[in-house]
Amino acid sequence: MPNPTACLLIIGNEVLSGRTKDANLQFIATRLGEIGIPLREVRVIPDVPATIIGTVNEVRAKYDHVFTTGGIGPTHDDITSECVAGAFGVPWEPHPEAWRRLESHYARLTPPGDFNAARQRMATMPRGAELIDNIISIAPGFTMGNVHVMAGVPRIMQAMFEALAPTLKGGPPIVSAAVHANGLMEGRIAEGLAEIQHRYPAIDIGSYPYYRPGGGGVAVVAKGTDPEEVKQAAHDVLVFMRACGGHPVEGEPD
């Protein structure tokens, strides 16, 4: 059976404007690869209800899993939760357990916090949502169908993801092997690299030029679910780089 696939939606005007730098993509892509759910698409979309609803419906029909980050806080522009309710065609309403957790949390603070209308938004979710625990700031994320809704703050998102991870059924982990060579340029190896890719259709082979004060080079990374095939493909790349006059080394460049 092929590995399940995933899409990530990064939601927020602040990311599109450049005000906030996304710090979640690399973490999610890496962890999903370890679980065996390759990330196939990423979109950054604004806090616009029609866009969120339409995009969620499009990608949840296309991929096995959809992960969203951002837009589940207490402010007026945190609209991801209610938009997911709209996408699934269900009411957006107080979630009893989320409400209990947040109400108790604010009551335990010294002095007690006000579980006001803004904070109550974080306990309001699509009907039928399953909670994703948040050990950092209590306010949970949630899952609806194959859509997993998480916070945008990296530390909180990571905690939510780790709480969710044991429930995700993946396939074989995605493994990789890298080879790099200083002084060897990407254009020099392009044709031969295409031939190696043709020999290993199940392996993703990518080339990545790099530049350093002392000169540049190219790194080639092979990725796939068969460790032996990945290893062999990377070895073939190393042999080919050597034949091109390079001095290849296993691993990523420093």
Foldseek 3Di string as FASTA:
>chain_A
DAWFEEEEEEEEPCCVVVVDPADAVVVVQQVCLQLAHHYDYYYYYYLDLVVLLVVCLVVVVVGQAYEYEALLALDPSSCNFVSVLVNVVADFAFDVVLVVQVQVVQVPDVPRHDCDPSVSSLRTGGPPWAWQAFPPNGSTWTDDRRYTYFYRPNVRRVSSCVSCVVVDRTDARKDKKKKKFFPADPVLCVVVLVVLCVVPVQKDKDKDKDADPVGIIIMIMIIHRDVVSNVVSNVVVCVVCVVSVTDMDIDDDD
